[in-house]
Protein backbone atom coordinates (compact mmCIF):
# COMPACT_ATOMS: atom_id res chain seq x y z
CA MET A 1 20.64 145.41 93.66
CA CYS A 2 19.37 146.32 90.19
CA LYS A 3 17.05 149.33 89.69
CA GLY A 4 14.09 147.10 88.79
CA LEU A 5 14.14 145.32 92.10
CA ALA A 6 15.04 148.44 94.09
CA ALA A 7 11.97 150.20 92.75
CA LEU A 8 9.65 147.50 94.10
CA PRO A 9 8.04 147.96 97.52
CA ALA A 10 9.62 146.02 100.37
CA THR A 11 6.48 143.91 100.84
CA CYS A 12 6.67 142.69 97.24
CA LEU A 13 10.30 141.70 97.66
CA LYS A 14 9.45 139.80 100.84
CA SER A 15 6.56 137.97 99.10
CA ALA A 16 8.80 136.99 96.19
CA LYS A 17 11.42 135.61 98.57
CA ASP A 18 8.76 133.66 100.48
CA ILE A 19 7.42 132.12 97.26
CA LYS A 20 10.94 131.18 96.13
CA HIS A 21 11.61 129.57 99.50
CA LYS A 22 8.37 127.56 99.39
CA ILE A 23 9.02 126.34 95.84
CA GLY A 24 12.53 125.23 96.84
CA PHE A 25 11.16 123.39 99.88
CA LEU A 26 8.51 121.59 97.80
CA LEU A 27 11.08 120.51 95.22
CA GLN A 28 13.34 119.08 97.93
CA LYS A 29 10.40 117.29 99.52
CA ALA A 30 9.23 115.79 96.22
CA GLU A 31 12.55 114.08 95.45
CA PRO A 32 12.60 111.72 98.48
CA VAL A 33 8.95 110.77 97.82
CA GLN A 34 9.83 109.74 94.27
CA GLU A 35 12.89 107.85 95.55
CA GLN A 36 10.79 106.05 98.18
CA LYS A 37 8.26 105.08 95.52
CA ALA A 38 11.03 103.68 93.34
CA VAL A 39 12.45 101.71 96.27
CA LYS A 40 9.03 100.29 97.15
CA GLU A 41 8.49 99.18 93.56
CA LYS A 42 11.87 97.45 93.61
CA GLU A 43 11.02 95.77 96.90
CA LYS A 44 7.75 94.37 95.54
CA PRO A 45 8.18 90.60 95.31
CA ALA A 46 8.00 89.20 91.82
CA VAL A 47 4.85 87.21 91.13
CA GLU A 48 5.60 83.60 91.90
CA LYS A 49 5.42 81.61 88.71
CA SER A 50 4.99 77.90 88.62
CA SER A 51 7.73 76.37 86.53
CA THR A 52 6.78 72.79 87.37
CA PRO A 53 5.06 71.29 84.34
CA ILE A 54 2.06 68.98 84.37
CA ASP A 55 3.42 65.94 82.55
CA THR A 56 0.86 63.24 83.19
CA GLU A 57 2.51 60.93 80.69
CA LYS A 58 5.60 60.79 82.90
CA TRP A 59 3.39 60.28 85.94
CA LYS A 60 1.84 57.28 84.22
CA ALA A 61 5.27 55.88 83.35
CA SER A 62 6.27 55.37 86.99
CA PHE A 63 5.27 56.15 90.53
CA THR A 64 8.77 57.55 91.10
CA ASN A 65 8.20 60.18 88.40
CA LEU A 66 4.91 61.16 90.02
CA ILE A 67 6.13 61.41 93.60
CA ASN A 68 9.29 63.33 92.69
CA ASN A 69 7.37 65.99 90.75
CA ASP A 70 6.01 68.89 92.82
CA VAL A 71 2.68 69.13 91.02
CA GLY A 72 2.38 65.35 90.73
CA ARG A 73 2.99 64.87 94.44
CA THR A 74 0.45 67.60 95.27
CA ALA A 75 -2.15 65.95 93.02
CA PHE A 76 -1.46 62.54 94.54
CA THR A 77 -1.73 64.02 98.04
CA ALA A 78 -5.12 65.49 97.13
CA PHE A 79 -6.23 62.06 95.94
CA LEU A 80 -5.00 60.35 99.12
CA LYS A 81 -6.88 62.92 101.21
CA SER A 82 -10.06 61.93 99.40
CA GLU A 83 -9.34 58.34 100.50
CA PHE A 84 -8.34 59.37 104.05
CA SER A 85 -4.86 57.87 103.66
CA GLN A 86 -2.70 60.98 103.27
CA GLU A 87 -0.52 59.87 106.21
CA ASN A 88 1.40 57.63 103.78
CA ILE A 89 2.62 60.45 101.54
CA GLU A 90 3.15 62.71 104.56
CA PHE A 91 5.39 60.07 106.14
CA TRP A 92 7.34 59.62 102.89
CA VAL A 93 7.90 63.39 102.62
CA ALA A 94 8.92 63.56 106.29
CA CYS A 95 11.55 60.86 105.65
CA GLU A 96 12.94 62.80 102.67
CA ASP A 97 13.11 65.94 104.80
CA PHE A 98 14.83 63.98 107.58
CA LYS A 99 17.62 62.89 105.20
CA ARG A 100 18.43 66.53 104.46
CA ALA A 101 18.48 67.60 108.12
CA PRO A 102 21.75 68.76 109.72
CA PRO A 103 23.25 65.97 111.90
CA PRO A 104 22.67 67.84 115.20
CA GLN A 105 18.92 67.98 114.43
CA MET A 106 18.50 64.38 113.29
CA GLN A 107 17.86 62.81 116.70
CA ALA A 108 15.01 65.18 117.52
CA LYS A 109 13.48 64.85 114.02
CA ALA A 110 13.72 61.06 114.11
CA LYS A 111 11.89 60.86 117.43
CA GLN A 112 9.22 63.22 116.16
CA ILE A 113 8.65 61.17 112.98
CA PHE A 114 8.50 57.92 114.93
CA LYS A 115 6.03 59.37 117.43
CA GLN A 116 3.90 60.89 114.66
CA TYR A 117 3.75 58.04 112.13
CA ILE A 118 5.25 54.75 113.36
CA ASP A 119 4.58 54.20 117.04
CA VAL A 120 1.50 52.15 117.92
CA ASP A 121 -1.59 54.38 118.09
CA SER A 122 0.38 57.38 116.83
CA PRO A 123 -1.71 60.30 115.47
CA ASN A 124 -0.95 59.48 111.81
CA GLU A 125 0.06 55.83 112.07
CA VAL A 126 1.12 54.25 108.77
CA ASN A 127 0.54 50.61 107.94
CA LEU A 128 3.74 48.81 108.90
CA ASP A 129 4.30 45.26 110.11
CA SER A 130 5.54 44.81 113.68
CA ALA A 131 9.01 43.66 112.57
CA THR A 132 9.62 46.85 110.56
CA ARG A 133 8.23 48.93 113.38
CA GLU A 134 10.64 47.39 115.90
CA GLU A 135 13.59 47.61 113.52
CA THR A 136 12.91 51.32 113.07
CA ARG A 137 12.66 51.77 116.82
CA ARG A 138 16.15 50.24 117.19
CA ASN A 139 17.45 52.45 114.41
CA LEU A 140 16.65 55.51 116.51
CA GLU A 141 19.63 54.65 118.70
CA LYS A 142 22.18 55.21 115.92
CA CYS A 143 20.00 57.72 114.07
CA ASP A 144 21.68 58.32 110.71
CA VAL A 145 20.22 59.01 107.25
CA THR A 146 19.27 55.32 106.87
CA CYS A 147 17.13 55.36 110.02
CA PHE A 148 13.79 55.13 108.19
CA ASP A 149 14.91 53.44 104.95
CA GLU A 150 13.09 50.16 105.53
CA ALA A 151 9.88 51.76 106.76
CA GLN A 152 9.89 54.35 103.96
CA SER A 153 10.47 51.63 101.36
CA LYS A 154 7.51 49.62 102.69
CA ILE A 155 5.17 52.63 102.52
CA PHE A 156 6.46 53.56 99.05
CA THR A 157 5.66 50.04 97.80
CA LEU A 158 2.25 50.13 99.48
CA MET A 159 1.34 53.38 97.72
CA GLU A 160 2.78 52.20 94.40
CA LYS A 161 0.82 48.93 94.34
CA ASP A 162 -2.41 50.28 95.77
CA SER A 163 -3.22 54.00 95.81
CA TYR A 164 -1.15 54.88 92.73
CA ARG A 165 -3.11 52.49 90.51
CA ARG A 166 -6.41 53.97 91.66
CA PHE A 167 -5.03 57.49 91.22
CA LEU A 168 -4.31 56.82 87.54
CA LYS A 169 -7.99 55.93 87.06
CA SER A 170 -9.32 58.81 89.16
CA LYS A 171 -11.25 61.80 87.85
CA LEU A 172 -8.54 64.08 89.20
CA PHE A 173 -5.84 62.45 87.10
CA LEU A 174 -8.08 62.30 84.02
CA ASP A 175 -8.90 66.00 84.40
CA LEU A 176 -5.22 66.89 84.68
CA SER A 177 -4.50 64.81 81.58
CA LEU A 178 -6.79 67.02 79.50
CA PRO A 179 -5.24 69.77 77.35
CA SER A 180 -4.66 72.91 79.44
CA HIS A 181 -7.50 74.88 77.79
CA ASP A 182 -9.95 72.14 78.80
CA ASN A 183 -8.94 72.31 82.46
CA LYS A 184 -11.02 75.48 82.81
CA HIS A 185 -14.17 73.44 82.38
CA CYS A 186 -13.29 70.79 84.94
CA GLY A 187 -12.34 73.23 87.70
CA LEU A 188 -8.58 72.79 87.38
CA GLU A 189 -7.55 75.87 85.45
CA ARG A 190 -3.79 76.35 85.89
CA LYS A 191 -3.20 79.26 88.28
CA GLY A 192 -0.44 81.84 88.06
CA THR A 193 1.42 80.52 91.10
CA PHE A 194 2.27 77.05 92.32
CA THR A 195 0.69 77.81 95.70
CA GLU A 196 -2.63 78.78 94.14
CA PHE A 197 -2.58 75.78 91.84
CA SER A 198 -1.77 73.47 94.77
CA GLN A 199 -4.78 74.83 96.66
CA CYS A 200 -6.91 74.19 93.60
CA LEU A 201 -5.70 70.59 93.45
CA LEU A 202 -6.20 69.99 97.15
CA SER A 203 -9.76 71.29 97.03
CA HIS A 204 -10.64 69.32 93.89
CA CYS A 205 -11.08 66.04 95.77
CA ALA A 206 -12.45 67.59 98.95
């Protein structure tokens, strides 16, 4: 030990060692906290951005363009809810989902769709003629991707010839057709996420 340290009282040396130990402990403790903070920041989900454009000109061009566009379908659903006929679009979407289902799940999904939308006095019964209804019932026995093709086609045509034409004349569609900076004044300002914007659309016709 050097003379400088040897000349110090024992209590001073002990205090210096204690302080050194505490500083070392604090430095070790601080590093994991910083690492945890960095990890948490990385784990933060990125803000969901809506990449689906509002292209009302394409929606006007065909019902297919409208119904196959996420925002367009959401807007049309909001309009149908205002007319108390949203079961049509819900059935169409259920049929599209059914076609993508794994084969082992198809039978259960098909029965659920039939019970929900097609069977007589079902909770969300769509407007189908008795022949189509019975044909679809028979299709449940083979239950492949074509099971609901006829029924889905009938409901698609019904929406295209009826609700779609009224939708194009509705205030909702006209508001969405305005330039984006004007949407603020009509209550349809584009939100930062598709979910938020969808909620805005769905409440617009409420």
